[in-house]
């Protein structure tokens, strides 16, 4: 079983789509808190998506937010963090943070021993994993509206039957249906669907082992029309001249699934 959690920080809300067929060996565990943060299975791979609000998780930037982040990290005990808004591009007096800063922070507040946390950054998105990362990329080919953090997580063979591929995104904010911002979100979805087609077929820019589970996560900012999200699910590419024909994204040629992960804003 695969479990995903989402975190809302300030006025920003993480939205995400999950698609995969990951499976683990079941081992029931009792609830520790009786809340949505408990793992149902000891073998669950816990993946969290968190828009951190531009570097506010670092103590030197915001002590209050940093303290909250540390408590969330401790409570959720995630195996993989997908963070957005790492790199404070809007603060001229600030030094933008990087994946290395995230690694240092997590090694300090959530040490795991060994080599510590593995990290990879694309644009303002960072994947931080307890397990090694390979096949890293910072954008699709052709590129979408903006870069993303892409990586294959090398899961322990003794516990997992397969590795796990992640695409961590931060879509363009704002704008209603038919807006230029909505067009940018659609471009990002078109690019992702084309990339996943490339990953499932030999040749091109990327090749995944057949049947590798994957997930598209992040802050998708679906505040306009539903088409960008629909495209991720059913593979309906709008700009076919750039990103090719429609391609249902799952390995068996069917639609993907929105995992509707638990969220701290609702507790469900």
Protein backbone atom coordinates (compact mmCIF):
# COMPACT_ATOMS: atom_id res chain seq x y z
CA UNK A 1 0.00 0.00 0.00
CA UNK A 2 1.09 3.55 -0.75
CA UNK A 3 0.16 6.45 1.49
CA UNK A 4 0.43 10.12 0.59
CA UNK A 5 -0.12 13.18 2.74
CA UNK A 6 -0.45 16.84 1.80
CA UNK A 7 0.38 19.89 3.86
CA UNK A 8 -1.07 23.38 3.65
CA UNK A 9 1.26 26.22 4.68
CA UNK A 10 -0.12 29.69 5.17
CA UNK A 11 -2.49 30.61 2.35
CA UNK A 12 -1.00 28.08 -0.03
CA UNK A 13 -2.46 24.64 -0.51
CA UNK A 14 -0.75 21.62 -1.93
CA UNK A 15 -2.69 19.78 -4.61
CA UNK A 16 -1.47 16.61 -6.16
CA UNK A 17 -2.30 13.70 -8.38
CA UNK A 18 -1.12 10.20 -7.59
CA UNK A 19 -0.94 7.28 -9.97
CA UNK A 20 0.74 4.00 -9.26
CA UNK A 21 0.48 0.29 -8.62
CA UNK A 22 3.00 0.06 -5.79
CA UNK A 23 2.63 -2.82 -3.37
CA UNK A 24 4.36 -3.84 -0.16
CA UNK A 25 4.28 -6.70 2.29
CA UNK A 26 1.41 -6.13 4.77
CA UNK A 27 2.07 -5.88 8.47
CA UNK A 28 -0.76 -4.35 10.49
CA UNK A 29 0.21 -1.89 13.20
CA UNK A 30 -1.92 -0.28 15.86
CA UNK A 31 -2.76 3.41 15.64
CA UNK A 32 -0.52 5.66 17.67
CA UNK A 33 -2.65 8.79 17.77
CA UNK A 34 -6.04 7.76 16.46
CA UNK A 35 -5.76 10.47 13.80
CA UNK A 36 -5.17 10.59 10.07
CA UNK A 37 -1.39 10.72 10.51
CA UNK A 38 -1.14 7.10 11.69
CA UNK A 39 0.28 4.53 9.30
CA UNK A 40 -2.15 1.72 8.57
CA UNK A 41 0.65 -0.68 7.73
CA UNK A 42 4.18 -0.84 9.06
CA UNK A 43 5.33 -1.34 5.48
CA UNK A 44 3.57 1.75 4.10
CA UNK A 45 5.77 4.05 2.05
CA UNK A 46 4.79 7.50 3.26
CA UNK A 47 5.16 10.32 0.75
CA UNK A 48 4.33 13.92 1.65
CA UNK A 49 3.81 16.93 -0.59
CA UNK A 50 4.34 20.33 1.07
CA UNK A 51 4.35 23.85 -0.34
CA UNK A 52 6.55 25.47 2.31
CA UNK A 53 5.88 29.13 1.43
CA UNK A 54 9.20 30.31 0.07
CA UNK A 55 11.91 29.04 2.40
CA UNK A 56 10.03 29.76 5.63
CA UNK A 57 10.91 26.30 6.99
CA UNK A 58 14.46 27.48 7.72
CA UNK A 59 15.04 28.97 11.20
CA UNK A 60 17.14 31.86 9.91
CA UNK A 61 14.16 32.93 7.77
CA UNK A 62 11.17 32.30 10.01
CA UNK A 63 11.53 30.80 13.49
CA UNK A 64 7.80 30.23 13.95
CA UNK A 65 7.31 28.44 10.65
CA UNK A 66 10.53 26.47 11.11
CA UNK A 67 9.32 25.21 14.48
CA UNK A 68 6.02 24.15 12.92
CA UNK A 69 7.85 22.34 10.13
CA UNK A 70 10.02 20.45 12.60
CA UNK A 71 6.95 19.27 14.50
CA UNK A 72 5.24 18.19 11.27
CA UNK A 73 8.34 16.31 10.16
CA UNK A 74 8.49 14.51 13.48
CA UNK A 75 4.79 13.65 13.49
CA UNK A 76 4.53 12.41 9.92
CA UNK A 77 7.88 10.61 9.75
CA UNK A 78 7.71 10.60 5.96
CA UNK A 79 9.95 8.42 3.82
CA UNK A 80 9.90 10.91 0.97
CA UNK A 81 9.22 14.65 1.09
CA UNK A 82 8.16 16.58 -2.01
CA UNK A 83 8.68 20.25 -1.21
CA UNK A 84 7.75 23.26 -3.31
CA UNK A 85 8.92 26.89 -3.06
CA UNK A 86 12.50 26.14 -2.09
CA UNK A 87 14.51 29.14 -3.28
CA UNK A 88 13.16 32.56 -2.19
CA UNK A 89 13.29 34.25 -5.56
CA UNK A 90 11.08 37.14 -4.41
CA UNK A 91 13.30 38.35 -1.56
CA UNK A 92 16.18 40.49 -2.76
CA UNK A 93 17.80 40.54 0.70
CA UNK A 94 17.56 36.75 1.12
CA UNK A 95 19.86 34.02 -0.10
CA UNK A 96 17.66 31.46 -1.89
CA UNK A 97 17.79 28.02 -0.32
CA UNK A 98 18.72 24.90 -2.24
CA UNK A 99 18.38 21.12 -2.04
CA UNK A 100 21.62 21.07 -0.05
CA UNK A 101 20.01 23.33 2.54
CA UNK A 102 17.00 21.01 2.74
CA UNK A 103 19.36 18.07 3.22
CA UNK A 104 21.18 19.84 6.04
CA UNK A 105 17.90 20.80 7.70
CA UNK A 106 16.42 17.30 7.57
CA UNK A 107 19.66 15.69 8.74
CA UNK A 108 19.47 18.02 11.73
CA UNK A 109 15.78 17.76 12.69
CA UNK A 110 15.11 14.21 11.43
CA UNK A 111 18.43 12.30 11.37
CA UNK A 112 18.24 8.85 9.78
CA UNK A 113 21.87 7.77 10.06
CA UNK A 114 24.02 6.37 7.28
CA UNK A 115 24.35 8.75 4.36
CA UNK A 116 21.46 10.84 5.61
CA UNK A 117 18.76 12.24 3.36
CA UNK A 118 19.11 12.11 -0.42
CA UNK A 119 17.92 15.23 -2.26
CA UNK A 120 17.28 16.46 -5.77
CA UNK A 121 16.01 19.84 -6.97
CA UNK A 122 14.35 21.05 -10.14
CA UNK A 123 13.13 24.66 -10.25
CA UNK A 124 11.69 25.37 -6.76
CA UNK A 125 10.79 21.70 -6.19
CA UNK A 126 12.88 19.41 -4.00
CA UNK A 127 12.58 15.66 -3.49
CA UNK A 128 14.08 14.56 -0.17
CA UNK A 129 14.23 10.79 0.33
CA UNK A 130 15.47 8.32 2.91
CA UNK A 131 16.50 6.17 -0.06
CA UNK A 132 18.93 6.87 -2.92
CA UNK A 133 17.74 8.75 -5.99
CA UNK A 134 18.66 7.99 -9.59
CA UNK A 135 17.47 8.90 -13.10
CA UNK A 136 17.19 12.48 -11.90
CA UNK A 137 15.94 15.20 -14.23
CA UNK A 138 14.89 18.82 -13.88
CA UNK A 139 12.48 19.04 -16.81
CA UNK A 140 10.68 17.03 -19.44
CA UNK A 141 11.60 16.81 -23.12
CA UNK A 142 10.01 18.80 -24.70
CA UNK A 143 9.85 21.13 -21.71
CA UNK A 144 6.62 22.17 -20.11
CA UNK A 145 5.79 25.54 -18.59
CA UNK A 146 8.36 25.17 -15.80
CA UNK A 147 10.93 22.75 -14.42
CA UNK A 148 10.27 20.03 -11.90
CA UNK A 149 12.12 17.58 -9.69
CA UNK A 150 12.08 14.09 -11.24
CA UNK A 151 13.75 11.01 -9.77
CA UNK A 152 13.58 7.25 -9.35
CA UNK A 153 13.60 6.26 -5.67
CA UNK A 154 15.74 3.16 -5.07
CA UNK A 155 13.60 1.33 -2.51
CA UNK A 156 15.01 -1.51 -0.37
CA UNK A 157 14.63 -4.82 -2.23
CA UNK A 158 13.92 -6.69 0.99
CA UNK A 159 10.73 -4.70 1.58
CA UNK A 160 9.59 -3.47 -1.82
CA UNK A 161 9.01 -5.34 -5.05
CA UNK A 162 9.95 -2.39 -7.22
CA UNK A 163 11.41 1.10 -7.19
CA UNK A 164 9.26 4.22 -7.40
CA UNK A 165 9.33 7.12 -9.89
CA UNK A 166 8.35 10.64 -8.80
CA UNK A 167 7.58 13.89 -10.63
CA UNK A 168 7.34 16.80 -8.16
CA UNK A 169 5.71 19.92 -9.62
CA UNK A 170 4.71 23.48 -8.84
CA UNK A 171 2.24 24.63 -11.50
CA UNK A 172 1.60 28.29 -12.34
CA UNK A 173 -0.68 29.98 -9.86
CA UNK A 174 -3.70 32.18 -10.31
CA UNK A 175 -6.01 32.93 -13.22
CA UNK A 176 -9.43 31.45 -13.92
CA UNK A 177 -10.68 29.24 -16.75
CA UNK A 178 -9.42 30.39 -20.13
CA UNK A 179 -6.68 32.56 -18.64
CA UNK A 180 -3.06 32.59 -19.76
CA UNK A 181 -2.18 31.00 -16.41
CA UNK A 182 -4.55 28.14 -17.15
CA UNK A 183 -2.83 27.72 -20.53
CA UNK A 184 0.50 27.43 -18.69
CA UNK A 185 -0.90 24.75 -16.39
CA UNK A 186 -2.19 22.87 -19.40
CA UNK A 187 1.21 23.05 -21.06
CA UNK A 188 2.75 21.48 -17.96
CA UNK A 189 0.25 18.63 -17.96
CA UNK A 190 0.72 18.02 -21.69
CA UNK A 191 4.48 17.82 -21.18
CA UNK A 192 4.14 15.36 -18.28
CA UNK A 193 1.84 13.02 -20.21
CA UNK A 194 4.27 13.02 -23.14
CA UNK A 195 7.20 12.34 -20.77
CA UNK A 196 5.37 9.41 -19.18
CA UNK A 197 4.72 7.97 -22.64
CA UNK A 198 8.44 8.23 -23.36
CA UNK A 199 9.23 6.57 -20.02
CA UNK A 200 6.95 3.61 -20.83
CA UNK A 201 8.36 3.01 -24.31
CA UNK A 202 11.93 2.09 -25.38
CA UNK A 203 14.13 4.90 -26.67
CA UNK A 204 13.80 8.64 -26.39
CA UNK A 205 14.90 10.66 -23.37
CA UNK A 206 13.84 8.28 -20.58
CA UNK A 207 13.12 4.57 -20.09
CA UNK A 208 11.61 3.00 -16.99
CA UNK A 209 11.57 -0.72 -16.24
CA UNK A 210 8.20 -2.09 -17.32
CA UNK A 211 5.58 -1.69 -14.63
CA UNK A 212 7.52 0.79 -12.49
CA UNK A 213 5.00 2.60 -10.27
CA UNK A 214 5.03 6.36 -10.58
CA UNK A 215 3.36 9.43 -9.12
CA UNK A 216 2.83 13.01 -10.22
CA UNK A 217 2.74 15.16 -7.08
CA UNK A 218 3.12 18.75 -5.96
CA UNK A 219 1.22 22.01 -5.88
CA UNK A 220 -0.80 21.82 -9.09
CA UNK A 221 -2.67 25.09 -8.45
CA UNK A 222 -5.87 23.83 -10.10
CA UNK A 223 -7.70 27.12 -9.59
CA UNK A 224 -8.98 27.58 -13.16
CA UNK A 225 -10.58 24.96 -15.35
CA UNK A 226 -10.28 21.21 -14.69
CA UNK A 227 -8.56 20.32 -17.97
CA UNK A 228 -4.94 20.32 -16.68
CA UNK A 229 -5.91 17.79 -14.01
CA UNK A 230 -8.09 15.81 -16.43
CA UNK A 231 -5.14 15.57 -18.83
CA UNK A 232 -2.96 14.01 -16.13
CA UNK A 233 -5.66 11.42 -15.49
CA UNK A 234 -6.77 10.50 -19.00
CA UNK A 235 -3.80 11.56 -21.14
CA UNK A 236 -5.78 13.98 -23.33
CA UNK A 237 -3.00 16.21 -24.68
CA UNK A 238 -4.29 19.56 -25.91
CA UNK A 239 -1.18 20.82 -27.75
CA UNK A 240 -0.59 17.71 -29.86
CA UNK A 241 1.64 19.55 -32.32
CA UNK A 242 4.22 20.00 -29.54
CA UNK A 243 3.63 17.06 -27.21
CA UNK A 244 2.23 14.36 -29.49
CA UNK A 245 -1.05 12.50 -29.58
CA UNK A 246 -3.19 11.55 -26.62
CA UNK A 247 -1.71 8.85 -24.37
CA UNK A 248 -3.59 7.27 -21.44
CA UNK A 249 -0.72 7.33 -18.94
CA UNK A 250 -0.93 4.02 -17.06
CA UNK A 251 1.17 1.02 -18.06
CA UNK A 252 -1.89 -0.89 -19.30
CA UNK A 253 -3.08 1.97 -21.49
CA UNK A 254 -5.79 3.13 -19.09
CA UNK A 255 -6.39 6.27 -17.08
CA UNK A 256 -4.45 7.12 -13.96
CA UNK A 257 -6.03 7.52 -10.53
CA UNK A 258 -6.27 10.50 -8.24
CA UNK A 259 -5.27 8.99 -4.90
CA UNK A 260 -7.06 11.77 -2.98
CA UNK A 261 -4.46 11.71 -0.21
CA UNK A 262 -5.12 12.78 3.34
CA UNK A 263 -4.62 16.49 4.01
CA UNK A 264 -3.87 18.39 7.17
CA UNK A 265 -6.50 20.99 6.25
CA UNK A 266 -9.29 18.44 6.46
CA UNK A 267 -7.85 15.56 8.48
CA UNK A 268 -9.19 13.10 5.90
